[in-house]
Amino acid sequence: MAKTLNTPRPVRVRWGDGLPAEVDGEQVEALRESWLVEDRWWEGRPLRRRYWELIGVQGRNLVVFHDLCTGRWYAQGA
């Protein structure tokens, strides 16, 4: 069975000052960028996500997204 690469994993996000303030207990130090993805609108299950590329206080690059259809948060990448 093939393994899917870069599968999103659920995370806990604490919101503050208009952006994620904490991801799975790690505080966010800075925002690199944010973008919106809207795709598959022509299908029965559209994809709507707000992505955030962040820098954690430990210097890690964090890419998370808020699934705007379900309200859940996920980490993308390593």
C-alpha atoms as a PDB file:
ATOM      1  CA  MET A   1       0.000   0.000   0.000  1.00  0.00           C
ATOM      2  CA  ALA A   2       1.381   3.415  -0.973  1.00  0.00           C
ATOM      3  CA  LYS A   3       1.856   6.061   1.698  1.00  0.00           C
ATOM      4  CA  THR A   4       0.452   9.511   0.973  1.00  0.00           C
ATOM      5  CA  LEU A   5       3.070  12.225   1.328  1.00  0.00           C
ATOM      6  CA  ASN A   6       2.408  15.433   3.229  1.00  0.00           C
ATOM      7  CA  THR A   7      -0.899  14.281   4.728  1.00  0.00           C
ATOM      8  CA  PRO A   8      -2.398  17.009   6.947  1.00  0.00           C
ATOM      9  CA  ARG A   9      -2.588  16.151  10.653  1.00  0.00           C
ATOM     10  CA  PRO A  10      -5.045  17.640  13.146  1.00  0.00           C
ATOM     11  CA  VAL A  11      -3.645  20.299  15.511  1.00  0.00           C
ATOM     12  CA  ARG A  12      -4.907  22.487  18.344  1.00  0.00           C
ATOM     13  CA  VAL A  13      -4.754  26.187  17.560  1.00  0.00           C
ATOM     14  CA  ARG A  14      -5.318  29.028  20.015  1.00  0.00           C
ATOM     15  CA  TRP A  15      -6.454  32.209  18.278  1.00  0.00           C
ATOM     16  CA  GLY A  16      -5.338  35.707  19.260  1.00  0.00           C
ATOM     17  CA  ASP A  17      -5.034  39.187  17.711  1.00  0.00           C
ATOM     18  CA  GLY A  18      -6.453  38.082  14.351  1.00  0.00           C
ATOM     19  CA  LEU A  19      -4.083  35.161  13.781  1.00  0.00           C
ATOM     20  CA  PRO A  20      -3.007  31.881  15.350  1.00  0.00           C
ATOM     21  CA  ALA A  21      -1.198  32.592  18.647  1.00  0.00           C
ATOM     22  CA  GLU A  22      -0.301  29.013  19.549  1.00  0.00           C
ATOM     23  CA  VAL A  23      -0.089  25.698  17.665  1.00  0.00           C
ATOM     24  CA  ASP A  24      -0.146  22.499  19.740  1.00  0.00           C
ATOM     25  CA  GLY A  25       1.215  24.394  22.744  1.00  0.00           C
ATOM     26  CA  GLU A  26       4.009  26.227  20.886  1.00  0.00           C
ATOM     27  CA  GLN A  27       3.620  29.990  20.844  1.00  0.00           C
ATOM     28  CA  VAL A  28       3.768  31.759  17.514  1.00  0.00           C
ATOM     29  CA  GLU A  29       6.501  34.384  17.209  1.00  0.00           C
ATOM     30  CA  ALA A  30       5.778  35.732  13.710  1.00  0.00           C
ATOM     31  CA  LEU A  31       3.559  35.456  10.660  1.00  0.00           C
ATOM     32  CA  ARG A  32       5.274  34.913   7.319  1.00  0.00           C
ATOM     33  CA  GLU A  33       2.150  34.902   5.170  1.00  0.00           C
ATOM     34  CA  SER A  34      -1.468  33.848   4.902  1.00  0.00           C
ATOM     35  CA  TRP A  35      -3.485  32.797   1.867  1.00  0.00           C
ATOM     36  CA  LEU A  36      -6.904  31.469   0.954  1.00  0.00           C
ATOM     37  CA  VAL A  37      -7.523  28.384  -1.182  1.00  0.00           C
ATOM     38  CA  GLU A  38     -10.943  27.849  -2.726  1.00  0.00           C
ATOM     39  CA  ASP A  39     -11.132  24.898  -5.099  1.00  0.00           C
ATOM     40  CA  ARG A  40     -13.506  22.203  -6.285  1.00  0.00           C
ATOM     41  CA  TRP A  41     -16.403  24.658  -6.036  1.00  0.00           C
ATOM     42  CA  TRP A  42     -18.003  22.893  -8.984  1.00  0.00           C
ATOM     43  CA  GLU A  43     -18.183  19.597  -7.027  1.00  0.00           C
ATOM     44  CA  GLY A  44     -20.512  18.634  -4.216  1.00  0.00           C
ATOM     45  CA  ARG A  45     -17.718  19.008  -1.639  1.00  0.00           C
ATOM     46  CA  PRO A  46     -15.770  22.229  -2.230  1.00  0.00           C
ATOM     47  CA  LEU A  47     -12.394  22.842  -0.640  1.00  0.00           C
ATOM     48  CA  ARG A  48     -12.062  26.099   1.342  1.00  0.00           C
ATOM     49  CA  ARG A  49      -8.950  26.614   3.475  1.00  0.00           C
ATOM     50  CA  ARG A  50      -7.166  29.578   5.055  1.00  0.00           C
ATOM     51  CA  TYR A  51      -3.443  28.798   5.315  1.00  0.00           C
ATOM     52  CA  TRP A  52      -0.991  30.420   7.737  1.00  0.00           C
ATOM     53  CA  GLU A  53       2.796  30.153   7.482  1.00  0.00           C
ATOM     54  CA  LEU A  54       4.119  30.925  10.939  1.00  0.00           C
ATOM     55  CA  ILE A  55       7.357  30.892  12.920  1.00  0.00           C
ATOM     56  CA  GLY A  56       7.198  29.298  16.354  1.00  0.00           C
ATOM     57  CA  VAL A  57       9.161  30.576  19.355  1.00  0.00           C
ATOM     58  CA  GLN A  58      11.516  27.595  18.923  1.00  0.00           C
ATOM     59  CA  GLY A  59      12.340  28.824  15.396  1.00  0.00           C
ATOM     60  CA  ARG A  60      10.309  26.155  13.620  1.00  0.00           C
ATOM     61  CA  ASN A  61       8.427  26.952  10.433  1.00  0.00           C
ATOM     62  CA  LEU A  62       4.764  26.027  10.997  1.00  0.00           C
ATOM     63  CA  VAL A  63       2.242  25.739   8.178  1.00  0.00           C
ATOM     64  CA  VAL A  64      -1.318  25.294   9.406  1.00  0.00           C
ATOM     65  CA  PHE A  65      -4.690  25.644   7.766  1.00  0.00           C
ATOM     66  CA  HIS A  66      -8.213  26.231   8.966  1.00  0.00           C
ATOM     67  CA  ASP A  67     -10.714  24.111   7.035  1.00  0.00           C
ATOM     68  CA  LEU A  68     -13.468  26.672   6.490  1.00  0.00           C
ATOM     69  CA  CYS A  69     -16.016  23.947   5.667  1.00  0.00           C
ATOM     70  CA  THR A  70     -15.538  21.901   8.871  1.00  0.00           C
ATOM     71  CA  GLY A  71     -13.972  24.465  11.243  1.00  0.00           C
ATOM     72  CA  ARG A  72     -11.059  22.118  12.020  1.00  0.00           C
ATOM     73  CA  TRP A  73      -7.357  23.012  12.096  1.00  0.00           C
ATOM     74  CA  TYR A  74      -4.549  20.987  10.499  1.00  0.00           C
ATOM     75  CA  ALA A  75      -0.754  21.145  10.153  1.00  0.00           C
ATOM     76  CA  GLN A  76       0.644  20.752   6.662  1.00  0.00           C
ATOM     77  CA  GLY A  77       4.156  19.434   6.151  1.00  0.00           C
ATOM     78  CA  ALA A  78       6.724  18.095   8.593  1.00  0.00           C
END
